[in-house]
Full PDB file with SEQRES, HELIX, SHEET, SSBOND, CRYST1, ORIGX, SCALE, CONECT and MASTER records, all heavy atoms in Angstrom:
SEQRES   1 A   35  VAL LEU TYR GLY SER THR TRP GLY GLY GLY GLY THR VAL          
SEQRES   2 A   35  ASN TRP SER ALA SER LEU GLN THR GLN GLY TYR VAL ARG          
SEQRES   3 A   35  ARG GLU TRP ALA ASN ARG GLY LEU PRO                          
HELIX    1 AA1 GLY A   10  VAL A   13  1                                   4    
HELIX    2 AA2 GLY A   23  ALA A   30  1                                   8    
CRYST1    1.000    1.000    1.000  90.00  90.00  90.00 P 1           1          
ORIGX1      1.000000  0.000000  0.000000        0.00000                         
ORIGX2      0.000000  1.000000  0.000000        0.00000                         
ORIGX3      0.000000  0.000000  1.000000        0.00000                         
SCALE1      1.000000  0.000000  0.000000        0.00000                         
SCALE2      0.000000  1.000000  0.000000        0.00000                         
SCALE3      0.000000  0.000000  1.000000        0.00000                         
ATOM      1  N   VAL A   1      -7.911 142.476  12.516  1.00  0.00           N  
ATOM      2  CA  VAL A   1      -8.496 142.136  11.220  1.00  0.00           C  
ATOM      3  C   VAL A   1      -7.598 142.709  10.128  1.00  0.00           C  
ATOM      4  O   VAL A   1      -7.529 143.924   9.938  1.00  0.00           O  
ATOM      5  CB  VAL A   1      -9.934 142.673  11.095  1.00  0.00           C  
ATOM      6  CG1 VAL A   1     -10.549 142.248   9.773  1.00  0.00           C  
ATOM      7  CG2 VAL A   1     -10.795 142.174  12.261  1.00  0.00           C  
ATOM      8  N   LEU A   2      -6.889 141.835   9.427  1.00  0.00           N  
ATOM      9  CA  LEU A   2      -5.948 142.249   8.387  1.00  0.00           C  
ATOM     10  C   LEU A   2      -6.581 142.103   7.015  1.00  0.00           C  
ATOM     11  O   LEU A   2      -7.133 141.050   6.687  1.00  0.00           O  
ATOM     12  CB  LEU A   2      -4.685 141.390   8.445  1.00  0.00           C  
ATOM     13  CG  LEU A   2      -3.654 141.707   9.532  1.00  0.00           C  
ATOM     14  CD1 LEU A   2      -2.524 140.696   9.461  1.00  0.00           C  
ATOM     15  CD2 LEU A   2      -3.107 143.117   9.383  1.00  0.00           C  
ATOM     16  N   TYR A   3      -6.477 143.150   6.194  1.00  0.00           N  
ATOM     17  CA  TYR A   3      -6.914 143.036   4.806  1.00  0.00           C  
ATOM     18  C   TYR A   3      -6.136 144.026   3.953  1.00  0.00           C  
ATOM     19  O   TYR A   3      -5.802 145.137   4.379  1.00  0.00           O  
ATOM     20  CB  TYR A   3      -8.427 143.225   4.641  1.00  0.00           C  
ATOM     21  CG  TYR A   3      -9.032 144.455   5.263  1.00  0.00           C  
ATOM     22  CD1 TYR A   3      -9.395 145.539   4.477  1.00  0.00           C  
ATOM     23  CD2 TYR A   3      -9.274 144.517   6.633  1.00  0.00           C  
ATOM     24  CE1 TYR A   3      -9.989 146.664   5.045  1.00  0.00           C  
ATOM     25  CE2 TYR A   3      -9.860 145.628   7.201  1.00  0.00           C  
ATOM     26  CZ  TYR A   3     -10.214 146.702   6.405  1.00  0.00           C  
ATOM     27  OH  TYR A   3     -10.787 147.810   6.977  1.00  0.00           O  
ATOM     28  N   GLY A   4      -5.817 143.590   2.746  1.00  0.00           N  
ATOM     29  CA  GLY A   4      -4.950 144.366   1.872  1.00  0.00           C  
ATOM     30  C   GLY A   4      -5.607 145.632   1.376  1.00  0.00           C  
ATOM     31  O   GLY A   4      -6.814 145.690   1.149  1.00  0.00           O  
ATOM     32  N   SER A   5      -4.780 146.657   1.192  1.00  0.00           N  
ATOM     33  CA  SER A   5      -5.216 147.908   0.573  1.00  0.00           C  
ATOM     34  C   SER A   5      -4.070 148.396  -0.292  1.00  0.00           C  
ATOM     35  O   SER A   5      -3.339 149.312   0.058  1.00  0.00           O  
ATOM     36  CB  SER A   5      -5.586 148.938   1.642  1.00  0.00           C  
ATOM     37  OG  SER A   5      -6.038 150.144   1.053  1.00  0.00           O  
ATOM     38  N   THR A   6      -3.894 147.733  -1.422  1.00  0.00           N  
ATOM     39  CA  THR A   6      -2.803 148.017  -2.336  1.00  0.00           C  
ATOM     40  C   THR A   6      -3.174 147.436  -3.690  1.00  0.00           C  
ATOM     41  O   THR A   6      -4.213 146.786  -3.834  1.00  0.00           O  
ATOM     42  CB  THR A   6      -1.484 147.404  -1.818  1.00  0.00           C  
ATOM     43  OG1 THR A   6      -0.400 147.792  -2.662  1.00  0.00           O  
ATOM     44  CG2 THR A   6      -1.554 145.886  -1.762  1.00  0.00           C  
ATOM     45  N   TRP A   7      -2.356 147.689  -4.691  1.00  0.00           N  
ATOM     46  CA  TRP A   7      -2.619 147.152  -6.019  1.00  0.00           C  
ATOM     47  C   TRP A   7      -2.556 145.620  -5.947  1.00  0.00           C  
ATOM     48  O   TRP A   7      -1.567 145.044  -5.526  1.00  0.00           O  
ATOM     49  CB  TRP A   7      -1.597 147.694  -7.000  1.00  0.00           C  
ATOM     50  CG  TRP A   7      -1.836 147.363  -8.437  1.00  0.00           C  
ATOM     51  CD1 TRP A   7      -1.009 146.661  -9.260  1.00  0.00           C  
ATOM     52  CD2 TRP A   7      -2.962 147.739  -9.237  1.00  0.00           C  
ATOM     53  NE1 TRP A   7      -1.553 146.564 -10.515  1.00  0.00           N  
ATOM     54  CE2 TRP A   7      -2.754 147.226 -10.532  1.00  0.00           C  
ATOM     55  CE3 TRP A   7      -4.130 148.454  -8.975  1.00  0.00           C  
ATOM     56  CZ2 TRP A   7      -3.672 147.405 -11.565  1.00  0.00           C  
ATOM     57  CZ3 TRP A   7      -5.048 148.636 -10.007  1.00  0.00           C  
ATOM     58  CH2 TRP A   7      -4.817 148.120 -11.280  1.00  0.00           C  
ATOM     59  N   GLY A   8      -3.639 144.970  -6.314  1.00  0.00           N  
ATOM     60  CA  GLY A   8      -3.753 143.517  -6.172  1.00  0.00           C  
ATOM     61  C   GLY A   8      -4.482 143.085  -4.921  1.00  0.00           C  
ATOM     62  O   GLY A   8      -4.764 141.903  -4.738  1.00  0.00           O  
ATOM     63  N   GLY A   9      -4.790 144.048  -4.027  1.00  0.00           N  
ATOM     64  CA  GLY A   9      -5.577 143.762  -2.835  1.00  0.00           C  
ATOM     65  C   GLY A   9      -4.998 142.651  -1.983  1.00  0.00           C  
ATOM     66  O   GLY A   9      -3.776 142.527  -1.808  1.00  0.00           O  
ATOM     67  N   GLY A  10      -5.873 141.819  -1.430  1.00  0.00           N  
ATOM     68  CA  GLY A  10      -5.440 140.731  -0.573  1.00  0.00           C  
ATOM     69  C   GLY A  10      -4.541 139.739  -1.280  1.00  0.00           C  
ATOM     70  O   GLY A  10      -3.734 139.056  -0.639  1.00  0.00           O  
ATOM     71  N   GLY A  11      -4.647 139.650  -2.612  1.00  0.00           N  
ATOM     72  CA  GLY A  11      -3.797 138.735  -3.361  1.00  0.00           C  
ATOM     73  C   GLY A  11      -2.341 139.126  -3.365  1.00  0.00           C  
ATOM     74  O   GLY A  11      -1.478 138.314  -3.717  1.00  0.00           O  
ATOM     75  N   THR A  12      -2.032 140.363  -2.973  1.00  0.00           N  
ATOM     76  CA  THR A  12      -0.644 140.815  -2.896  1.00  0.00           C  
ATOM     77  C   THR A  12      -0.013 140.450  -1.567  1.00  0.00           C  
ATOM     78  O   THR A  12       1.209 140.304  -1.472  1.00  0.00           O  
ATOM     79  CB  THR A  12      -0.577 142.340  -3.125  1.00  0.00           C  
ATOM     80  OG1 THR A  12      -1.060 142.632  -4.452  1.00  0.00           O  
ATOM     81  CG2 THR A  12       0.837 142.884  -2.991  1.00  0.00           C  
ATOM     82  N   VAL A  13      -0.821 140.297  -0.511  1.00  0.00           N  
ATOM     83  CA  VAL A  13      -0.268 140.088   0.833  1.00  0.00           C  
ATOM     84  C   VAL A  13      -0.641 138.729   1.422  1.00  0.00           C  
ATOM     85  O   VAL A  13      -0.319 138.455   2.575  1.00  0.00           O  
ATOM     86  CB  VAL A  13      -0.720 141.215   1.792  1.00  0.00           C  
ATOM     87  CG1 VAL A  13      -0.159 142.546   1.344  1.00  0.00           C  
ATOM     88  CG2 VAL A  13      -2.245 141.284   1.892  1.00  0.00           C  
ATOM     89  N   ASN A  14      -1.332 137.866   0.654  1.00  0.00           N  
ATOM     90  CA  ASN A  14      -1.696 136.562   1.223  1.00  0.00           C  
ATOM     91  C   ASN A  14      -0.555 135.562   1.052  1.00  0.00           C  
ATOM     92  O   ASN A  14       0.531 135.909   0.594  1.00  0.00           O  
ATOM     93  CB  ASN A  14      -3.022 136.062   0.643  1.00  0.00           C  
ATOM     94  CG  ASN A  14      -2.937 135.738  -0.845  1.00  0.00           C  
ATOM     95  OD1 ASN A  14      -1.879 135.757  -1.463  1.00  0.00           O  
ATOM     96  ND2 ASN A  14      -4.082 135.436  -1.444  1.00  0.00           N  
ATOM     97  N   TRP A  15      -0.813 134.297   1.406  1.00  0.00           N  
ATOM     98  CA  TRP A  15       0.290 133.336   1.577  1.00  0.00           C  
ATOM     99  C   TRP A  15       0.324 132.210   0.546  1.00  0.00           C  
ATOM    100  O   TRP A  15       0.905 131.166   0.806  1.00  0.00           O  
ATOM    101  CB  TRP A  15       0.207 132.710   2.973  1.00  0.00           C  
ATOM    102  CG  TRP A  15       0.264 133.683   4.096  1.00  0.00           C  
ATOM    103  CD1 TRP A  15       0.689 134.980   4.064  1.00  0.00           C  
ATOM    104  CD2 TRP A  15      -0.128 133.440   5.449  1.00  0.00           C  
ATOM    105  NE1 TRP A  15       0.582 135.563   5.299  1.00  0.00           N  
ATOM    106  CE2 TRP A  15       0.082 134.635   6.175  1.00  0.00           C  
ATOM    107  CE3 TRP A  15      -0.621 132.325   6.118  1.00  0.00           C  
ATOM    108  CZ2 TRP A  15      -0.193 134.750   7.532  1.00  0.00           C  
ATOM    109  CZ3 TRP A  15      -0.895 132.439   7.463  1.00  0.00           C  
ATOM    110  CH2 TRP A  15      -0.675 133.636   8.162  1.00  0.00           C  
ATOM    111  N   SER A  16      -0.312 132.364  -0.590  1.00  0.00           N  
ATOM    112  CA  SER A  16      -0.255 131.391  -1.694  1.00  0.00           C  
ATOM    113  C   SER A  16      -1.185 130.198  -1.538  1.00  0.00           C  
ATOM    114  O   SER A  16      -1.296 129.380  -2.459  1.00  0.00           O  
ATOM    115  CB  SER A  16       1.169 130.852  -1.917  1.00  0.00           C  
ATOM    116  OG  SER A  16       2.040 131.881  -2.314  1.00  0.00           O  
ATOM    117  N   ALA A  17      -1.855 130.037  -0.394  1.00  0.00           N  
ATOM    118  CA  ALA A  17      -2.748 128.894  -0.208  1.00  0.00           C  
ATOM    119  C   ALA A  17      -3.890 128.951  -1.219  1.00  0.00           C  
ATOM    120  O   ALA A  17      -4.596 129.950  -1.308  1.00  0.00           O  
ATOM    121  CB  ALA A  17      -3.298 128.873   1.213  1.00  0.00           C  
ATOM    122  N   SER A  18      -4.069 127.881  -1.970  1.00  0.00           N  
ATOM    123  CA  SER A  18      -5.033 127.869  -3.083  1.00  0.00           C  
ATOM    124  C   SER A  18      -5.924 126.638  -3.010  1.00  0.00           C  
ATOM    125  O   SER A  18      -5.840 125.724  -3.835  1.00  0.00           O  
ATOM    126  CB  SER A  18      -4.274 127.914  -4.417  1.00  0.00           C  
ATOM    127  OG  SER A  18      -3.465 129.064  -4.509  1.00  0.00           O  
ATOM    128  N   LEU A  19      -6.777 126.620  -2.011  1.00  0.00           N  
ATOM    129  CA  LEU A  19      -7.696 125.509  -1.786  1.00  0.00           C  
ATOM    130  C   LEU A  19      -9.036 125.777  -2.471  1.00  0.00           C  
ATOM    131  O   LEU A  19      -9.613 126.863  -2.339  1.00  0.00           O  
ATOM    132  CB  LEU A  19      -7.918 125.319  -0.284  1.00  0.00           C  
ATOM    133  CG  LEU A  19      -6.700 124.809   0.497  1.00  0.00           C  
ATOM    134  CD1 LEU A  19      -6.846 125.111   1.976  1.00  0.00           C  
ATOM    135  CD2 LEU A  19      -6.511 123.313   0.274  1.00  0.00           C  
ATOM    136  N   GLN A  20      -9.532 124.793  -3.192  1.00  0.00           N  
ATOM    137  CA  GLN A  20     -10.837 124.938  -3.837  1.00  0.00           C  
ATOM    138  C   GLN A  20     -11.964 124.719  -2.827  1.00  0.00           C  
ATOM    139  O   GLN A  20     -11.780 124.095  -1.784  1.00  0.00           O  
ATOM    140  CB  GLN A  20     -10.969 123.941  -4.987  1.00  0.00           C  
ATOM    141  CG  GLN A  20     -10.027 124.232  -6.148  1.00  0.00           C  
ATOM    142  CD  GLN A  20     -10.454 123.546  -7.435  1.00  0.00           C  
ATOM    143  OE1 GLN A  20     -11.551 122.968  -7.531  1.00  0.00           O  
ATOM    144  NE2 GLN A  20      -9.608 123.611  -8.446  1.00  0.00           N  
ATOM    145  N   THR A  21     -13.122 125.253  -3.165  1.00  0.00           N  
ATOM    146  CA  THR A  21     -14.300 125.117  -2.311  1.00  0.00           C  
ATOM    147  C   THR A  21     -14.658 123.649  -2.143  1.00  0.00           C  
ATOM    148  O   THR A  21     -14.774 122.913  -3.121  1.00  0.00           O  
ATOM    149  CB  THR A  21     -15.503 125.848  -2.939  1.00  0.00           C  
ATOM    150  OG1 THR A  21     -15.056 127.006  -3.642  1.00  0.00           O  
ATOM    151  CG2 THR A  21     -16.506 126.230  -1.872  1.00  0.00           C  
ATOM    152  N   GLN A  22     -14.854 123.233  -0.895  1.00  0.00           N  
ATOM    153  CA  GLN A  22     -15.122 121.824  -0.641  1.00  0.00           C  
ATOM    154  C   GLN A  22     -16.575 121.458  -0.915  1.00  0.00           C  
ATOM    155  O   GLN A  22     -17.475 122.308  -0.882  1.00  0.00           O  
ATOM    156  CB  GLN A  22     -14.739 121.481   0.794  1.00  0.00           C  
ATOM    157  CG  GLN A  22     -13.228 121.545   1.005  1.00  0.00           C  
ATOM    158  CD  GLN A  22     -12.839 121.267   2.435  1.00  0.00           C  
ATOM    159  OE1 GLN A  22     -12.688 122.182   3.222  1.00  0.00           O  
ATOM    160  NE2 GLN A  22     -12.684 120.005   2.777  1.00  0.00           N  
ATOM    161  N   GLY A  23     -16.785 120.175  -1.138  1.00  0.00           N  
ATOM    162  CA  GLY A  23     -18.102 119.697  -1.535  1.00  0.00           C  
ATOM    163  C   GLY A  23     -19.195 120.015  -0.539  1.00  0.00           C  
ATOM    164  O   GLY A  23     -20.304 120.407  -0.918  1.00  0.00           O  
ATOM    165  N   TYR A  24     -18.909 119.879   0.762  1.00  0.00           N  
ATOM    166  CA  TYR A  24     -19.977 120.111   1.746  1.00  0.00           C  
ATOM    167  C   TYR A  24     -20.386 121.578   1.789  1.00  0.00           C  
ATOM    168  O   TYR A  24     -21.545 121.896   2.073  1.00  0.00           O  
ATOM    169  CB  TYR A  24     -19.581 119.592   3.127  1.00  0.00           C  
ATOM    170  CG  TYR A  24     -18.459 120.302   3.833  1.00  0.00           C  
ATOM    171  CD1 TYR A  24     -18.700 121.412   4.632  1.00  0.00           C  
ATOM    172  CD2 TYR A  24     -17.149 119.848   3.726  1.00  0.00           C  
ATOM    173  CE1 TYR A  24     -17.671 122.061   5.295  1.00  0.00           C  
ATOM    174  CE2 TYR A  24     -16.117 120.495   4.383  1.00  0.00           C  
ATOM    175  CZ  TYR A  24     -16.377 121.601   5.164  1.00  0.00           C  
ATOM    176  OH  TYR A  24     -15.363 122.245   5.815  1.00  0.00           O  
ATOM    177  N   VAL A  25     -19.444 122.488   1.512  1.00  0.00           N  
ATOM    178  CA  VAL A  25     -19.790 123.909   1.443  1.00  0.00           C  
ATOM    179  C   VAL A  25     -20.582 124.192   0.180  1.00  0.00           C  
ATOM    180  O   VAL A  25     -21.580 124.930   0.204  1.00  0.00           O  
ATOM    181  CB  VAL A  25     -18.521 124.780   1.495  1.00  0.00           C  
ATOM    182  CG1 VAL A  25     -18.870 126.259   1.323  1.00  0.00           C  
ATOM    183  CG2 VAL A  25     -17.779 124.567   2.808  1.00  0.00           C  
ATOM    184  N   ARG A  26     -20.176 123.608  -0.926  1.00  0.00           N  
ATOM    185  CA  ARG A  26     -20.904 123.802  -2.184  1.00  0.00           C  
ATOM    186  C   ARG A  26     -22.340 123.295  -2.059  1.00  0.00           C  
ATOM    187  O   ARG A  26     -23.287 123.927  -2.551  1.00  0.00           O  
ATOM    188  CB  ARG A  26     -20.163 123.099  -3.325  1.00  0.00           C  
ATOM    189  CG  ARG A  26     -18.821 123.737  -3.644  1.00  0.00           C  
ATOM    190  CD  ARG A  26     -17.995 122.938  -4.627  1.00  0.00           C  
ATOM    191  NE  ARG A  26     -18.648 122.811  -5.931  1.00  0.00           N  
ATOM    192  CZ  ARG A  26     -18.051 122.330  -7.021  1.00  0.00           C  
ATOM    193  NH1 ARG A  26     -16.787 121.923  -6.948  1.00  0.00           N  
ATOM    194  NH2 ARG A  26     -18.701 122.244  -8.157  1.00  0.00           N  
ATOM    195  N   ARG A  27     -22.512 122.153  -1.387  1.00  0.00           N  
ATOM    196  CA  ARG A  27     -23.879 121.628  -1.195  1.00  0.00           C  
ATOM    197  C   ARG A  27     -24.691 122.530  -0.278  1.00  0.00           C  
ATOM    198  O   ARG A  27     -25.899 122.743  -0.501  1.00  0.00           O  
ATOM    199  CB  ARG A  27     -23.806 120.199  -0.641  1.00  0.00           C  
ATOM    200  CG  ARG A  27     -23.267 119.181  -1.641  1.00  0.00           C  
ATOM    201  CD  ARG A  27     -23.410 117.756  -1.128  1.00  0.00           C  
ATOM    202  NE  ARG A  27     -22.567 117.500   0.038  1.00  0.00           N  
ATOM    203  CZ  ARG A  27     -21.294 117.109  -0.037  1.00  0.00           C  
ATOM    204  NH1 ARG A  27     -20.706 116.960  -1.213  1.00  0.00           N  
ATOM    205  NH2 ARG A  27     -20.599 116.859   1.064  1.00  0.00           N  
ATOM    206  N   GLU A  28     -24.046 123.054   0.753  1.00  0.00           N  
ATOM    207  CA  GLU A  28     -24.744 123.980   1.654  1.00  0.00           C  
ATOM    208  C   GLU A  28     -25.272 125.184   0.880  1.00  0.00           C  
ATOM    209  O   GLU A  28     -26.430 125.597   1.043  1.00  0.00           O  
ATOM    210  CB  GLU A  28     -23.791 124.452   2.752  1.00  0.00           C  
ATOM    211  CG  GLU A  28     -24.369 125.531   3.669  1.00  0.00           C  
ATOM    212  CD  GLU A  28     -23.311 126.234   4.501  1.00  0.00           C  
ATOM    213  OE1 GLU A  28     -22.220 125.651   4.716  1.00  0.00           O  
ATOM    214  OE2 GLU A  28     -23.567 127.388   4.933  1.00  0.00           O  
ATOM    215  N   TRP A  29     -24.434 125.749   0.015  1.00  0.00           N  
ATOM    216  CA  TRP A  29     -24.845 126.922  -0.751  1.00  0.00           C  
ATOM    217  C   TRP A  29     -25.906 126.567  -1.796  1.00  0.00           C  
ATOM    218  O   TRP A  29     -26.845 127.336  -2.024  1.00  0.00           O  
ATOM    219  CB  TRP A  29     -23.628 127.564  -1.408  1.00  0.00           C  
ATOM    220  CG  TRP A  29     -22.666 128.159  -0.406  1.00  0.00           C  
ATOM    221  CD1 TRP A  29     -22.840 128.241   0.949  1.00  0.00           C  
ATOM    222  CD2 TRP A  29     -21.397 128.745  -0.675  1.00  0.00           C  
ATOM    223  NE1 TRP A  29     -21.753 128.837   1.534  1.00  0.00           N  
ATOM    224  CE2 TRP A  29     -20.847 129.161   0.574  1.00  0.00           C  
ATOM    225  CE3 TRP A  29     -20.649 128.953  -1.825  1.00  0.00           C  
ATOM    226  CZ2 TRP A  29     -19.599 129.783   0.675  1.00  0.00           C  
ATOM    227  CZ3 TRP A  29     -19.402 129.575  -1.734  1.00  0.00           C  
ATOM    228  CH2 TRP A  29     -18.889 129.982  -0.497  1.00  0.00           C  
ATOM    229  N   ALA A  30     -25.757 125.404  -2.405  1.00  0.00           N  
ATOM    230  CA  ALA A  30     -26.758 124.982  -3.386  1.00  0.00           C  
ATOM    231  C   ALA A  30     -28.118 124.779  -2.725  1.00  0.00           C  
ATOM    232  O   ALA A  30     -29.169 125.090  -3.312  1.00  0.00           O  
ATOM    233  CB  ALA A  30     -26.304 123.699  -4.073  1.00  0.00           C  
ATOM    234  N   ASN A  31     -28.112 124.279  -1.493  1.00  0.00           N  
ATOM    235  CA  ASN A  31     -29.365 124.059  -0.773  1.00  0.00           C  
ATOM    236  C   ASN A  31     -30.056 125.359  -0.386  1.00  0.00           C  
ATOM    237  O   ASN A  31     -31.208 125.339   0.058  1.00  0.00           O  
ATOM    238  CB  ASN A  31     -29.111 123.220   0.479  1.00  0.00           C  
ATOM    239  CG  ASN A  31     -28.767 121.777   0.141  1.00  0.00           C  
ATOM    240  OD1 ASN A  31     -29.114 121.284  -0.933  1.00  0.00           O  
ATOM    241  ND2 ASN A  31     -28.083 121.094   1.053  1.00  0.00           N  
ATOM    242  N   ARG A  32     -29.354 126.472  -0.532  1.00  0.00           N  
ATOM    243  CA  ARG A  32     -29.979 127.782  -0.289  1.00  0.00           C  
ATOM    244  C   ARG A  32     -30.627 128.329  -1.557  1.00  0.00           C  
ATOM    245  O   ARG A  32     -30.925 129.514  -1.624  1.00  0.00           O  
ATOM    246  CB  ARG A  32     -28.937 128.764   0.233  1.00  0.00           C  
ATOM    247  CG  ARG A  32     -28.358 128.377   1.589  1.00  0.00           C  
ATOM    248  CD  ARG A  32     -27.304 129.376   2.036  1.00  0.00           C  
ATOM    249  NE  ARG A  32     -26.727 129.002   3.326  1.00  0.00           N  
ATOM    250  CZ  ARG A  32     -26.503 129.835   4.324  1.00  0.00           C  
ATOM    251  NH1 ARG A  32     -26.838 131.110   4.209  1.00  0.00           N  
ATOM    252  NH2 ARG A  32     -25.953 129.414   5.446  1.00  0.00           N  
ATOM    253  N   GLY A  33     -30.806 127.489  -2.556  1.00  0.00           N  
ATOM    254  CA  GLY A  33     -31.424 127.915  -3.801  1.00  0.00           C  
ATOM    255  C   GLY A  33     -30.440 128.395  -4.841  1.00  0.00           C  
ATOM    256  O   GLY A  33     -30.827 129.075  -5.800  1.00  0.00           O  
ATOM    257  N   LEU A  34     -29.166 128.011  -4.692  1.00  0.00           N  
ATOM    258  CA  LEU A  34     -28.122 128.456  -5.616  1.00  0.00           C  
ATOM    259  C   LEU A  34     -27.450 127.232  -6.233  1.00  0.00           C  
ATOM    260  O   LEU A  34     -26.306 126.883  -5.902  1.00  0.00           O  
ATOM    261  CB  LEU A  34     -27.095 129.314  -4.868  1.00  0.00           C  
ATOM    262  CG  LEU A  34     -27.658 130.575  -4.179  1.00  0.00           C  
ATOM    263  CD1 LEU A  34     -26.636 131.181  -3.231  1.00  0.00           C  
ATOM    264  CD2 LEU A  34     -28.105 131.600  -5.216  1.00  0.00           C  
ATOM    265  N   PRO A  35     -28.131 126.540  -7.138  1.00  0.00           N  
ATOM    266  CA  PRO A  35     -27.614 125.279  -7.690  1.00  0.00           C  
ATOM    267  C   PRO A  35     -26.318 125.434  -8.471  1.00  0.00           C  
ATOM    268  O   PRO A  35     -25.622 124.440  -8.713  1.00  0.00           O  
ATOM    269  CB  PRO A  35     -28.756 124.789  -8.588  1.00  0.00           C  
ATOM    270  CG  PRO A  35     -29.538 126.022  -8.929  1.00  0.00           C  
ATOM    271  CD  PRO A  35     -29.449 126.893  -7.714  1.00  0.00           C  
TER     272      PRO A  35                                                      
MASTER        0    0    0    2    0    0    0    6  271    1    0    3          
END                                                                             
């Protein structure tokens, strides 16, 4: 289990992938009472 512990945290050691939250996940969370 890798996770950053430095200035900038995980954003300093991750790989630049910048994917937005997909619609089916957003709907799943909204259906939990979080519109």
